[in-house]
PDB file of N, CA and C in Angstrom:
ATOM      1  N   HIS A   1      -0.655  35.218  34.820  1.00  0.00           N
ATOM      2  CA  HIS A   1       0.362  35.092  36.084  1.00  0.00           C
ATOM      3  C   HIS A   1       0.822  33.466  35.770  1.00  0.00           C
ATOM      4  N   ARG A   2      -0.753  32.337  36.100  1.00  0.00           N
ATOM      5  CA  ARG A   2      -0.723  31.042  36.190  1.00  0.00           C
ATOM      6  C   ARG A   2      -0.213  30.574  34.932  1.00  0.00           C
ATOM      7  N   VAL A   3      -0.483  30.999  33.539  1.00  0.00           N
ATOM      8  CA  VAL A   3      -0.127  29.675  32.243  1.00  0.00           C
ATOM      9  C   VAL A   3       1.667  30.296  32.524  1.00  0.00           C
ATOM     10  N   GLY A   4       2.607  31.626  33.283  1.00  0.00           N
ATOM     11  CA  GLY A   4       3.851  31.662  32.903  1.00  0.00           C
ATOM     12  C   GLY A   4       3.790  30.503  34.011  1.00  0.00           C
ATOM     13  N   GLY A   5       3.611  30.313  34.801  1.00  0.00           N
ATOM     14  CA  GLY A   5       3.759  29.371  36.416  1.00  0.00           C
ATOM     15  C   GLY A   5       4.102  27.992  35.259  1.00  0.00           C
ATOM     16  N   LEU A   6       2.374  27.716  34.372  1.00  0.00           N
ATOM     17  CA  LEU A   6       2.356  26.427  33.911  1.00  0.00           C
ATOM     18  C   LEU A   6       3.783  26.255  33.149  1.00  0.00           C
ATOM     19  N   PHE A   7       4.104  26.806  32.566  1.00  0.00           N
ATOM     20  CA  PHE A   7       5.234  26.766  31.439  1.00  0.00           C
ATOM     21  C   PHE A   7       6.671  26.745  31.827  1.00  0.00           C
ATOM     22  N   GLY A   8       7.018  27.520  32.814  1.00  0.00           N
ATOM     23  CA  GLY A   8       7.868  27.750  33.593  1.00  0.00           C
ATOM     24  C   GLY A   8       7.709  26.154  34.405  1.00  0.00           C
ATOM     25  N   GLU A   9       6.973  25.572  34.877  1.00  0.00           N
ATOM     26  CA  GLU A   9       6.626  23.904  35.078  1.00  0.00           C
ATOM     27  C   GLU A   9       7.033  22.714  34.183  1.00  0.00           C
ATOM     28  N   ILE A  10       6.251  23.096  33.219  1.00  0.00           N
ATOM     29  CA  ILE A  10       6.716  22.347  31.941  1.00  0.00           C
ATOM     30  C   ILE A  10       7.736  22.068  31.410  1.00  0.00           C
ATOM     31  N   ARG A  11       8.870  24.070  31.341  1.00  0.00           N
ATOM     32  CA  ARG A  11      10.510  23.435  31.119  1.00  0.00           C
ATOM     33  C   ARG A  11      10.751  23.075  32.284  1.00  0.00           C
ATOM     34  N   GLU A  12      10.598  23.373  33.437  1.00  0.00           N
ATOM     35  CA  GLU A  12      11.807  22.686  34.490  1.00  0.00           C
ATOM     36  C   GLU A  12      10.984  20.532  34.335  1.00  0.00           C
ATOM     37  N   ARG A  13       9.850  19.996  33.800  1.00  0.00           N
ATOM     38  CA  ARG A  13       9.864  19.070  33.494  1.00  0.00           C
ATOM     39  C   ARG A  13      11.000  18.905  32.245  1.00  0.00           C
ATOM     40  N   GLU A  14      10.756  18.701  31.393  1.00  0.00           N
ATOM     41  CA  GLU A  14      11.942  19.078  30.181  1.00  0.00           C
ATOM     42  C   GLU A  14      12.969  19.029  30.272  1.00  0.00           C
ATOM     43  N   GLU A  15      13.706  19.734  31.337  1.00  0.00           N
ATOM     44  CA  GLU A  15      14.902  19.492  31.148  1.00  0.00           C
ATOM     45  C   GLU A  15      15.111  18.758  32.764  1.00  0.00           C
ATOM     46  N   ARG A  16      14.428  18.454  33.369  1.00  0.00           N
ATOM     47  CA  ARG A  16      14.667  17.134  34.479  1.00  0.00           C
ATOM     48  C   ARG A  16      15.239  15.836  33.188  1.00  0.00           C
ATOM     49  N   ILE A  17      14.337  15.587  32.021  1.00  0.00           N
ATOM     50  CA  ILE A  17      13.441  14.862  31.230  1.00  0.00           C
ATOM     51  C   ILE A  17      15.686  14.755  30.683  1.00  0.00           C
ATOM     52  N   GLU A  18      15.891  15.675  30.320  1.00  0.00           N
ATOM     53  CA  GLU A  18      16.763  15.993  29.282  1.00  0.00           C
ATOM     54  C   GLU A  18      18.017  15.303  29.707  1.00  0.00           C
ATOM     55  N   LYS A  19      18.149  15.582  31.377  1.00  0.00           N
ATOM     56  CA  LYS A  19      19.366  15.685  31.931  1.00  0.00           C
ATOM     57  C   LYS A  19      19.362  14.036  32.076  1.00  0.00           C
ATOM     58  N   MET A  20      18.143  13.535  32.416  1.00  0.00           N
ATOM     59  CA  MET A  20      18.648  12.076  32.359  1.00  0.00           C
ATOM     60  C   MET A  20      18.618  11.265  30.638  1.00  0.00           C
ATOM     61  N   GLU A  21      18.178  12.130  30.282  1.00  0.00           N
ATOM     62  CA  GLU A  21      18.582  11.478  28.913  1.00  0.00           C
ATOM     63  C   GLU A  21      19.889  11.177  28.526  1.00  0.00           C
ATOM     64  N   GLN A  22      21.045  11.923  28.893  1.00  0.00           N
ATOM     65  CA  GLN A  22      21.972  12.678  28.532  1.00  0.00           C
ATOM     66  C   GLN A  22      22.664  11.938  29.583  1.00  0.00           C
ATOM     67  N   ALA A  23      22.246  10.863  31.039  1.00  0.00           N
ATOM     68  CA  ALA A  23      22.954  10.556  31.745  1.00  0.00           C
ATOM     69  C   ALA A  23      22.713   8.599  31.506  1.00  0.00           C
ATOM     70  N   ASN A  24      21.734   8.499  31.448  1.00  0.00           N
ATOM     71  CA  ASN A  24      21.191   7.247  31.299  1.00  0.00           C
ATOM     72  C   ASN A  24      22.416   6.961  29.582  1.00  0.00           C
ATOM     73  N   GLY A  25      22.520   7.936  28.721  1.00  0.00           N
ATOM     74  CA  GLY A  25      22.924   7.372  26.996  1.00  0.00           C
ATOM     75  C   GLY A  25      24.727   7.752  28.278  1.00  0.00           C
ATOM     76  N   GLU A  26      24.717   8.087  29.153  1.00  0.00           N
ATOM     77  CA  GLU A  26      26.936   8.385  29.549  1.00  0.00           C
ATOM     78  C   GLU A  26      26.709   6.882  30.365  1.00  0.00           C
ATOM     79  N   MET A  27      25.886   6.510  30.907  1.00  0.00           N
ATOM     80  CA  MET A  27      25.377   5.266  31.694  1.00  0.00           C
ATOM     81  C   MET A  27      25.815   4.365  30.640  1.00  0.00           C
ATOM     82  N   LEU A  28      24.870   4.137  29.745  1.00  0.00           N
ATOM     83  CA  LEU A  28      24.711   2.691  28.639  1.00  0.00           C
ATOM     84  C   LEU A  28      26.424   2.840  27.554  1.00  0.00           C
ATOM     85  N   ARG A  29      26.969   3.785  27.219  1.00  0.00           N
ATOM     86  CA  ARG A  29      28.308   4.032  26.966  1.00  0.00           C
ATOM     87  C   ARG A  29      29.367   3.214  28.612  1.00  0.00           C
ATOM     88  N   LYS A  30      29.312   3.288  29.188  1.00  0.00           N
ATOM     89  CA  LYS A  30      29.697   3.281  30.450  1.00  0.00           C
ATOM     90  C   LYS A  30      29.609   1.495  30.795  1.00  0.00           C
ATOM     91  N   LEU A  31      28.520   1.383  30.381  1.00  0.00           N
ATOM     92  CA  LEU A  31      27.699  -0.309  30.980  1.00  0.00           C
ATOM     93  C   LEU A  31      28.311  -1.241  30.151  1.00  0.00           C
ATOM     94  N   ASP A  32      28.437  -0.672  28.091  1.00  0.00           N
ATOM     95  CA  ASP A  32      29.074  -1.770  27.542  1.00  0.00           C
ATOM     96  C   ASP A  32      30.237  -1.736  27.992  1.00  0.00           C
ATOM     97  N   GLY A  33      31.116  -0.768  28.251  1.00  0.00           N
ATOM     98  CA  GLY A  33      32.277  -1.014  28.844  1.00  0.00           C
ATOM     99  C   GLY A  33      32.985  -2.129  29.440  1.00  0.00           C
ATOM    100  N   GLU A  34      31.696  -1.856  30.094  1.00  0.00           N
ATOM    101  CA  GLU A  34      32.224  -2.701  31.565  1.00  0.00           C
ATOM    102  C   GLU A  34      31.765  -4.030  31.355  1.00  0.00           C
ATOM    103  N   VAL A  35      30.745  -4.451  30.362  1.00  0.00           N
ATOM    104  CA  VAL A  35      30.420  -5.430  29.846  1.00  0.00           C
ATOM    105  C   VAL A  35      31.733  -6.154  29.123  1.00  0.00           C
ATOM    106  N   ALA A  36      32.097  -5.498  28.164  1.00  0.00           N
ATOM    107  CA  ALA A  36      33.146  -6.067  27.157  1.00  0.00           C
ATOM    108  C   ALA A  36      34.753  -6.216  27.225  1.00  0.00           C
ATOM    109  N   SER A  37      34.597  -5.524  28.835  1.00  0.00           N
ATOM    110  CA  SER A  37      35.626  -5.590  29.751  1.00  0.00           C
ATOM    111  C   SER A  37      35.666  -6.743  30.218  1.00  0.00           C
ATOM    112  N   MET A  38      34.228  -7.336  30.959  1.00  0.00           N
ATOM    113  CA  MET A  38      34.522  -8.689  31.990  1.00  0.00           C
ATOM    114  C   MET A  38      33.964  -9.558  31.283  1.00  0.00           C
ATOM    115  N   GLN A  39      33.843  -9.601  30.208  1.00  0.00           N
ATOM    116  CA  GLN A  39      34.121 -11.302  29.130  1.00  0.00           C
ATOM    117  C   GLN A  39      34.870 -12.242  29.472  1.00  0.00           C
ATOM    118  N   PRO A  40      36.225 -11.343  29.051  1.00  0.00           N
ATOM    119  CA  PRO A  40      36.953 -12.366  29.296  1.00  0.00           C
ATOM    120  C   PRO A  40      37.257 -13.140  30.243  1.00  0.00           C
ATOM    121  N   THR A  41      37.221 -12.308  31.438  1.00  0.00           N
ATOM    122  CA  THR A  41      37.283 -12.781  32.385  1.00  0.00           C
ATOM    123  C   THR A  41      36.264 -14.030  32.517  1.00  0.00           C
ATOM    124  N   VAL A  42      34.714 -13.479  32.668  1.00  0.00           N
ATOM    125  CA  VAL A  42      33.724 -14.372  32.582  1.00  0.00           C
ATOM    126  C   VAL A  42      33.893 -15.482  31.999  1.00  0.00           C
ATOM    127  N   ALA A  43      34.508 -15.705  30.864  1.00  0.00           N
ATOM    128  CA  ALA A  43      35.055 -16.537  29.547  1.00  0.00           C
ATOM    129  C   ALA A  43      35.673 -17.902  30.302  1.00  0.00           C
ATOM    130  N   GLY A  44      36.733 -17.238  31.222  1.00  0.00           N
ATOM    131  CA  GLY A  44      38.115 -17.730  31.486  1.00  0.00           C
ATOM    132  C   GLY A  44      36.970 -18.741  32.569  1.00  0.00           C
ATOM    133  N   HIS A  45      38.568 -19.569  32.497  1.00  0.00           N
ATOM    134  CA  HIS A  45      38.083 -21.471  32.595  1.00  0.00           C
ATOM    135  C   HIS A  45      38.027 -21.214  34.392  1.00  0.00           C
ATOM    136  N   ARG A  46      37.883 -20.043  35.323  1.00  0.00           N
ATOM    137  CA  ARG A  46      38.330 -20.428  36.650  1.00  0.00           C
ATOM    138  C   ARG A  46      36.580 -19.339  37.442  1.00  0.00           C
ATOM    139  N   THR A  47      35.802 -19.400  36.306  1.00  0.00           N
ATOM    140  CA  THR A  47      34.983 -19.176  36.602  1.00  0.00           C
ATOM    141  C   THR A  47      33.908 -19.726  36.336  1.00  0.00           C
ATOM    142  N   MET A  48      32.746 -19.858  37.665  1.00  0.00           N
ATOM    143  CA  MET A  48      32.527 -20.802  37.769  1.00  0.00           C
ATOM    144  C   MET A  48      30.696 -20.619  36.901  1.00  0.00           C
ATOM    145  N   ARG A  49      29.557 -21.283  37.096  1.00  0.00           N
ATOM    146  CA  ARG A  49      28.740 -21.107  36.106  1.00  0.00           C
ATOM    147  C   ARG A  49      27.618 -20.375  37.251  1.00  0.00           C
ATOM    148  N   PRO A  50      27.123 -20.008  37.935  1.00  0.00           N
ATOM    149  CA  PRO A  50      26.324 -18.991  38.636  1.00  0.00           C
ATOM    150  C   PRO A  50      27.022 -17.669  38.391  1.00  0.00           C
ATOM    151  N   THR A  51      28.238 -17.169  38.710  1.00  0.00           N
ATOM    152  CA  THR A  51      28.942 -15.604  37.943  1.00  0.00           C
ATOM    153  C   THR A  51      28.068 -16.284  36.469  1.00  0.00           C
ATOM    154  N   VAL A  52      28.532 -16.765  35.743  1.00  0.00           N
ATOM    155  CA  VAL A  52      28.309 -16.296  34.091  1.00  0.00           C
ATOM    156  C   VAL A  52      26.534 -16.200  34.472  1.00  0.00           C
ATOM    157  N   ASN A  53      25.531 -17.086  34.988  1.00  0.00           N
ATOM    158  CA  ASN A  53      24.591 -16.867  34.466  1.00  0.00           C
ATOM    159  C   ASN A  53      23.996 -15.693  34.980  1.00  0.00           C
ATOM    160  N   THR A  54      24.698 -15.073  36.125  1.00  0.00           N
ATOM    161  CA  THR A  54      24.691 -13.724  36.419  1.00  0.00           C
ATOM    162  C   THR A  54      24.689 -12.702  34.789  1.00  0.00           C
ATOM    163  N   PHE A  55      26.402 -12.605  34.720  1.00  0.00           N
ATOM    164  CA  PHE A  55      26.784 -12.148  33.595  1.00  0.00           C
ATOM    165  C   PHE A  55      25.402 -12.242  32.286  1.00  0.00           C
ATOM    166  N   GLU A  56      24.919 -13.057  32.658  1.00  0.00           N
ATOM    167  CA  GLU A  56      24.435 -13.768  31.241  1.00  0.00           C
ATOM    168  C   GLU A  56      22.855 -12.508  31.531  1.00  0.00           C
ATOM    169  N   ALA A  57      22.498 -12.727  32.609  1.00  0.00           N
ATOM    170  CA  ALA A  57      21.433 -11.582  33.113  1.00  0.00           C
ATOM    171  C   ALA A  57      21.325 -10.523  32.904  1.00  0.00           C
ATOM    172  N   ALA A  58      23.296  -9.982  33.268  1.00  0.00           N
ATOM    173  CA  ALA A  58      23.224  -8.306  32.823  1.00  0.00           C
ATOM    174  C   ALA A  58      23.211  -7.799  31.870  1.00  0.00           C
ATOM    175  N   GLU A  59      23.759  -8.938  31.386  1.00  0.00           N
ATOM    176  CA  GLU A  59      23.916  -8.611  29.351  1.00  0.00           C
ATOM    177  C   GLU A  59      22.429  -8.291  28.883  1.00  0.00           C
ATOM    178  N   LEU A  60      21.411  -9.288  29.009  1.00  0.00           N
ATOM    179  CA  LEU A  60      20.108  -8.926  28.576  1.00  0.00           C
ATOM    180  C   LEU A  60      19.401  -8.253  29.017  1.00  0.00           C
ATOM    181  N   GLU A  61      19.148  -7.408  30.558  1.00  0.00           N
ATOM    182  CA  GLU A  61      18.802  -6.673  30.851  1.00  0.00           C
ATOM    183  C   GLU A  61      19.017  -5.162  30.761  1.00  0.00           C
ATOM    184  N   LEU A  62      21.246  -5.685  30.060  1.00  0.00           N
ATOM    185  CA  LEU A  62      21.352  -3.801  29.560  1.00  0.00           C
ATOM    186  C   LEU A  62      20.863  -4.287  27.782  1.00  0.00           C
ATOM    187  N   ASP A  63      20.287  -5.015  26.847  1.00  0.00           N
ATOM    188  CA  ASP A  63      19.920  -5.032  25.610  1.00  0.00           C
ATOM    189  C   ASP A  63      18.603  -4.311  26.392  1.00  0.00           C
ATOM    190  N   SER A  64      17.892  -4.352  27.338  1.00  0.00           N
ATOM    191  CA  SER A  64      16.059  -4.055  27.121  1.00  0.00           C
ATOM    192  C   SER A  64      16.275  -2.825  27.711  1.00  0.00           C
ATOM    193  N   ALA A  65      17.807  -2.781  28.511  1.00  0.00           N
ATOM    194  CA  ALA A  65      17.712  -1.179  28.935  1.00  0.00           C
ATOM    195  C   ALA A  65      18.248  -0.055  28.073  1.00  0.00           C
ATOM    196  N   ARG A  66      18.779  -0.723  27.155  1.00  0.00           N
ATOM    197  CA  ARG A  66      18.979  -0.473  25.381  1.00  0.00           C
ATOM    198  C   ARG A  66      17.997   0.066  24.699  1.00  0.00           C
ATOM    199  N   ARG A  67      17.289  -0.484  24.998  1.00  0.00           N
ATOM    200  CA  ARG A  67      15.981  -0.564  23.957  1.00  0.00           C
ATOM    201  C   ARG A  67      15.418   0.436  24.502  1.00  0.00           C
ATOM    202  N   ARG A  68      14.999   0.811  25.992  1.00  0.00           N
ATOM    203  CA  ARG A  68      14.010   1.249  26.701  1.00  0.00           C
ATOM    204  C   ARG A  68      15.040   2.752  26.568  1.00  0.00           C
ATOM    205  N   THR A  69      16.296   3.160  26.767  1.00  0.00           N
ATOM    206  CA  THR A  69      17.389   4.078  26.662  1.00  0.00           C
ATOM    207  C   THR A  69      16.957   5.030  25.031  1.00  0.00           C
ATOM    208  N   GLU A  70      16.419   4.542  24.474  1.00  0.00           N
ATOM    209  CA  GLU A  70      16.614   4.734  22.772  1.00  0.00           C
ATOM    210  C   GLU A  70      15.226   5.616  21.921  1.00  0.00           C
ATOM    211  N   THR A  71      14.792   4.466  23.147  1.00  0.00           N
ATOM    212  CA  THR A  71      13.067   4.518  22.352  1.00  0.00           C
ATOM    213  C   THR A  71      12.307   6.222  22.788  1.00  0.00           C
ATOM    214  N   SER A  72      11.623   6.640  21.200  1.00  0.00           N
ATOM    215  CA  SER A  72      11.614   8.123  21.564  1.00  0.00           C
ATOM    216  C   SER A  72       9.821   7.433  21.032  1.00  0.00           C
ATOM    217  N   PRO A  73       9.390   8.192  22.272  1.00  0.00           N
ATOM    218  CA  PRO A  73       9.503   9.087  23.281  1.00  0.00           C
ATOM    219  C   PRO A  73       9.284   7.724  24.440  1.00  0.00           C
ATOM    220  N   GLY A  74      10.543   8.089  25.568  1.00  0.00           N
ATOM    221  CA  GLY A  74       9.980   6.964  26.443  1.00  0.00           C
ATOM    222  C   GLY A  74      10.165   7.676  27.562  1.00  0.00           C
ATOM    223  N   ASP A  75      10.401   6.567  28.322  1.00  0.00           N
ATOM    224  CA  ASP A  75      10.115   7.265  30.097  1.00  0.00           C
ATOM    225  C   ASP A  75      11.921   7.036  30.486  1.00  0.00           C
ATOM    226  N   PRO A  76      12.459   7.674  30.535  1.00  0.00           N
ATOM    227  CA  PRO A  76      14.434   8.275  30.828  1.00  0.00           C
ATOM    228  C   PRO A  76      14.324   7.642  32.551  1.00  0.00           C
ATOM    229  N   PHE A  77      13.375   7.680  33.075  1.00  0.00           N
ATOM    230  CA  PHE A  77      12.894   7.343  34.538  1.00  0.00           C
ATOM    231  C   PHE A  77      13.061   6.214  34.876  1.00  0.00           C
ATOM    232  N   LYS A  78      12.350   5.145  34.275  1.00  0.00           N
ATOM    233  CA  LYS A  78      12.444   3.519  34.201  1.00  0.00           C
ATOM    234  C   LYS A  78      13.452   3.400  33.674  1.00  0.00           C
ATOM    235  N   ALA A  79      14.660   3.886  32.338  1.00  0.00           N
ATOM    236  CA  ALA A  79      15.636   3.205  31.614  1.00  0.00           C
ATOM    237  C   ALA A  79      16.668   3.436  32.863  1.00  0.00           C
ATOM    238  N   GLY A  80      16.891   4.980  33.167  1.00  0.00           N
ATOM    239  CA  GLY A  80      17.517   5.005  34.278  1.00  0.00           C
ATOM    240  C   GLY A  80      17.778   3.909  35.465  1.00  0.00           C
ATOM    241  N   ALA A  81      16.524   3.629  36.327  1.00  0.00           N
ATOM    242  CA  ALA A  81      16.645   2.766  36.874  1.00  0.00           C
ATOM    243  C   ALA A  81      16.913   0.914  36.816  1.00  0.00           C
ATOM    244  N   MET A  82      16.490   0.462  35.661  1.00  0.00           N
ATOM    245  CA  MET A  82      17.265  -0.372  34.598  1.00  0.00           C
ATOM    246  C   MET A  82      18.163  -0.691  34.289  1.00  0.00           C
ATOM    247  N   LEU A  83      19.265   0.310  34.175  1.00  0.00           N
ATOM    248  CA  LEU A  83      21.202   0.567  33.842  1.00  0.00           C
ATOM    249  C   LEU A  83      21.492   1.018  35.056  1.00  0.00           C
ATOM    250  N   GLU A  84      20.793   0.895  35.998  1.00  0.00           N
ATOM    251  CA  GLU A  84      21.600   0.714  37.943  1.00  0.00           C
ATOM    252  C   GLU A  84      21.042  -0.613  37.853  1.00  0.00           C
ATOM    253  N   SER A  85      20.157  -0.785  37.967  1.00  0.00           N
ATOM    254  CA  SER A  85      20.031  -2.987  38.080  1.00  0.00           C
ATOM    255  C   SER A  85      21.325  -3.333  37.388  1.00  0.00           C
ATOM    256  N   VAL A  86      21.741  -2.896  36.300  1.00  0.00           N
ATOM    257  CA  VAL A  86      22.337  -4.155  35.346  1.00  0.00           C
ATOM    258  C   VAL A  86      23.604  -3.410  35.900  1.00  0.00           C
ATOM    259  N   GLU A  87      23.947  -1.979  36.724  1.00  0.00           N
ATOM    260  CA  GLU A  87      25.636  -1.827  36.895  1.00  0.00           C
ATOM    261  C   GLU A  87      25.532  -2.578  38.448  1.00  0.00           C
ATOM    262  N   SER A  88      23.912  -2.918  39.606  1.00  0.00           N
ATOM    263  CA  SER A  88      24.453  -3.468  40.222  1.00  0.00           C
ATOM    264  C   SER A  88      24.717  -5.188  39.931  1.00  0.00           C
ATOM    265  N   LYS A  89      24.016  -6.006  38.844  1.00  0.00           N
ATOM    266  CA  LYS A  89      24.468  -6.685  38.657  1.00  0.00           C
ATOM    267  C   LYS A  89      25.988  -7.221  37.948  1.00  0.00           C
ATOM    268  N   LEU A  90      26.428  -5.681  37.827  1.00  0.00           N
ATOM    269  CA  LEU A  90      27.706  -6.653  37.204  1.00  0.00           C
ATOM    270  C   LEU A  90      28.735  -6.696  38.312  1.00  0.00           C
ATOM    271  N   GLU A  91      28.338  -5.047  39.621  1.00  0.00           N
ATOM    272  CA  GLU A  91      28.909  -5.044  40.633  1.00  0.00           C
ATOM    273  C   GLU A  91      29.580  -6.863  41.367  1.00  0.00           C
ATOM    274  N   ARG A  92      28.131  -7.197  41.296  1.00  0.00           N
ATOM    275  CA  ARG A  92      27.654  -8.358  41.919  1.00  0.00           C
ATOM    276  C   ARG A  92      28.994  -9.549  40.886  1.00  0.00           C
ATOM    277  N   VAL A  93      28.909  -9.459  40.209  1.00  0.00           N
ATOM    278  CA  VAL A  93      29.344 -10.347  38.674  1.00  0.00           C
ATOM    279  C   VAL A  93      30.995 -10.055  38.871  1.00  0.00           C
ATOM    280  N   ARG A  94      31.466  -9.451  38.759  1.00  0.00           N
ATOM    281  CA  ARG A  94      32.994  -8.964  39.592  1.00  0.00           C
ATOM    282  C   ARG A  94      33.361  -9.316  40.872  1.00  0.00           C
ATOM    283  N   SER A  95      32.204  -9.638  41.470  1.00  0.00           N
ATOM    284  CA  SER A  95      32.274 -10.159  43.138  1.00  0.00           C
ATOM    285  C   SER A  95      32.650 -11.454  42.715  1.00  0.00           C
ATOM    286  N   MET A  96      32.044 -12.194  42.223  1.00  0.00           N
ATOM    287  CA  MET A  96      31.368 -13.746  42.225  1.00  0.00           C
ATOM    288  C   MET A  96      32.666 -13.848  41.167  1.00  0.00           C
ATOM    289  N   ALA A  97      33.012 -13.232  40.321  1.00  0.00           N
ATOM    290  CA  ALA A  97      34.029 -13.684  39.351  1.00  0.00           C
ATOM    291  C   ALA A  97      35.514 -13.608  40.148  1.00  0.00           C
ATOM    292  N   GLN A  98      35.809 -12.489  41.436  1.00  0.00           N
ATOM    293  CA  GLN A  98      37.364 -12.663  42.359  1.00  0.00           C
ATOM    294  C   GLN A  98      37.261 -14.178  43.030  1.00  0.00           C
ATOM    295  N   SER A  99      35.754 -14.010  43.664  1.00  0.00           N
ATOM    296  CA  SER A  99      35.699 -15.673  44.345  1.00  0.00           C
ATOM    297  C   SER A  99      35.903 -16.895  44.040  1.00  0.00           C
ATOM    298  N   ASP A 100      34.860 -16.926  42.627  1.00  0.00           N
ATOM    299  CA  ASP A 100      35.646 -18.075  42.332  1.00  0.00           C
ATOM    300  C   ASP A 100      37.188 -17.829  41.529  1.00  0.00           C
ATOM    301  N   ARG A 101      37.673 -16.658  41.386  1.00  0.00           N
ATOM    302  CA  ARG A 101      39.325 -18.061  41.096  1.00  0.00           C
ATOM    303  C   ARG A 101      40.047 -17.945  42.234  1.00  0.00           C
ATOM    304  N   GLU A 102      39.540 -16.664  43.118  1.00  0.00           N
ATOM    305  CA  GLU A 102      40.074 -17.282  44.567  1.00  0.00           C
ATOM    306  C   GLU A 102      39.561 -18.472  44.844  1.00  0.00           C
ATOM    307  N   LEU A 103      38.883 -18.858  44.923  1.00  0.00           N
ATOM    308  CA  LEU A 103      38.450 -20.599  45.598  1.00  0.00           C
ATOM    309  C   LEU A 103      38.740 -21.719  44.257  1.00  0.00           C
ATOM    310  N   VAL A 104      39.402 -20.808  42.696  1.00  0.00           N
ATOM    311  CA  VAL A 104      40.011 -21.958  42.148  1.00  0.00           C
ATOM    312  C   VAL A 104      41.513 -22.149  42.159  1.00  0.00           C
ATOM    313  N   ASP A 105      41.659 -20.717  42.704  1.00  0.00           N
ATOM    314  CA  ASP A 105      43.549 -21.181  43.412  1.00  0.00           C
ATOM    315  C   ASP A 105      43.386 -21.716  44.450  1.00  0.00           C
ATOM    316  N   GLU A 106      42.857 -21.252  45.033  1.00  0.00           N
ATOM    317  CA  GLU A 106      42.952 -22.579  46.883  1.00  0.00           C
ATOM    318  C   GLU A 106      42.693 -23.903  46.535  1.00  0.00           C
ATOM    319  N   LEU A 107      41.894 -24.611  45.487  1.00  0.00           N
ATOM    320  CA  LEU A 107      42.405 -25.641  45.057  1.00  0.00           C
ATOM    321  C   LEU A 107      43.239 -26.179  44.503  1.00  0.00           C
ATOM    322  N   SER A 108      43.777 -25.154  43.749  1.00  0.00           N
ATOM    323  CA  SER A 108      44.864 -26.248  42.949  1.00  0.00           C
ATOM    324  C   SER A 108      46.087 -25.675  44.575  1.00  0.00           C
ATOM    325  N   ARG A 109      46.363 -25.550  44.855  1.00  0.00           N
ATOM    326  CA  ARG A 109      47.407 -25.413  45.644  1.00  0.00           C
ATOM    327  C   ARG A 109      47.301 -26.376  46.384  1.00  0.00           C
ATOM    328  N   ARG A 110      45.912 -26.923  47.238  1.00  0.00           N
ATOM    329  CA  ARG A 110      46.015 -28.142  47.759  1.00  0.00           C
ATOM    330  C   ARG A 110      45.868 -28.999  47.304  1.00  0.00           C
ATOM    331  N   LYS A 111      45.633 -29.118  45.572  1.00  0.00           N
ATOM    332  CA  LYS A 111      46.050 -30.214  45.164  1.00  0.00           C
ATOM    333  C   LYS A 111      47.866 -30.158  44.809  1.00  0.00           C
ATOM    334  N   LEU A 112      48.159 -29.585  45.076  1.00  0.00           N
ATOM    335  CA  LEU A 112      49.667 -29.134  44.661  1.00  0.00           C
ATOM    336  C   LEU A 112      49.750 -29.963  46.083  1.00  0.00           C
ATOM    337  N   ARG A 113      50.002 -29.283  46.921  1.00  0.00           N
ATOM    338  CA  ARG A 113      50.811 -29.753  48.887  1.00  0.00           C
ATOM    339  C   ARG A 113      50.167 -31.059  48.781  1.00  0.00           C
ATOM    340  N   ALA A 114      48.829 -32.130  48.436  1.00  0.00           N
ATOM    341  CA  ALA A 114      48.477 -32.916  48.576  1.00  0.00           C
ATOM    342  C   ALA A 114      49.215 -34.120  47.456  1.00  0.00           C
ATOM    343  N   THR A 115      49.932 -34.219  46.599  1.00  0.00           N
ATOM    344  CA  THR A 115      50.945 -34.462  46.048  1.00  0.00           C
ATOM    345  C   THR A 115      52.524 -34.765  46.058  1.00  0.00           C
TER     346      THR A 115
END
């Protein structure tokens, strides 16, 4: 009876790991798409250096998370935490880029009014 319980526990852990690995793969694909879609904005003339630096840090962290995700055997829970961190950085980049654009646009409007 005890052995059956252990096997059940092991199977439950295996299922959690499999689900996490699947979720990590989906998150990795999502973040790859977000990085690709954000590159033109970040490379634009209205994006400031701190925003670019944060984006580049997110790209590097995504590469590390990809390696951890694709490593077998690996720790899908650590990989998942890394992917969540990348997602957070990309959200910050989106916000920073929006602020950068608004600031540049405001400065341009002021410059036009001054002339």
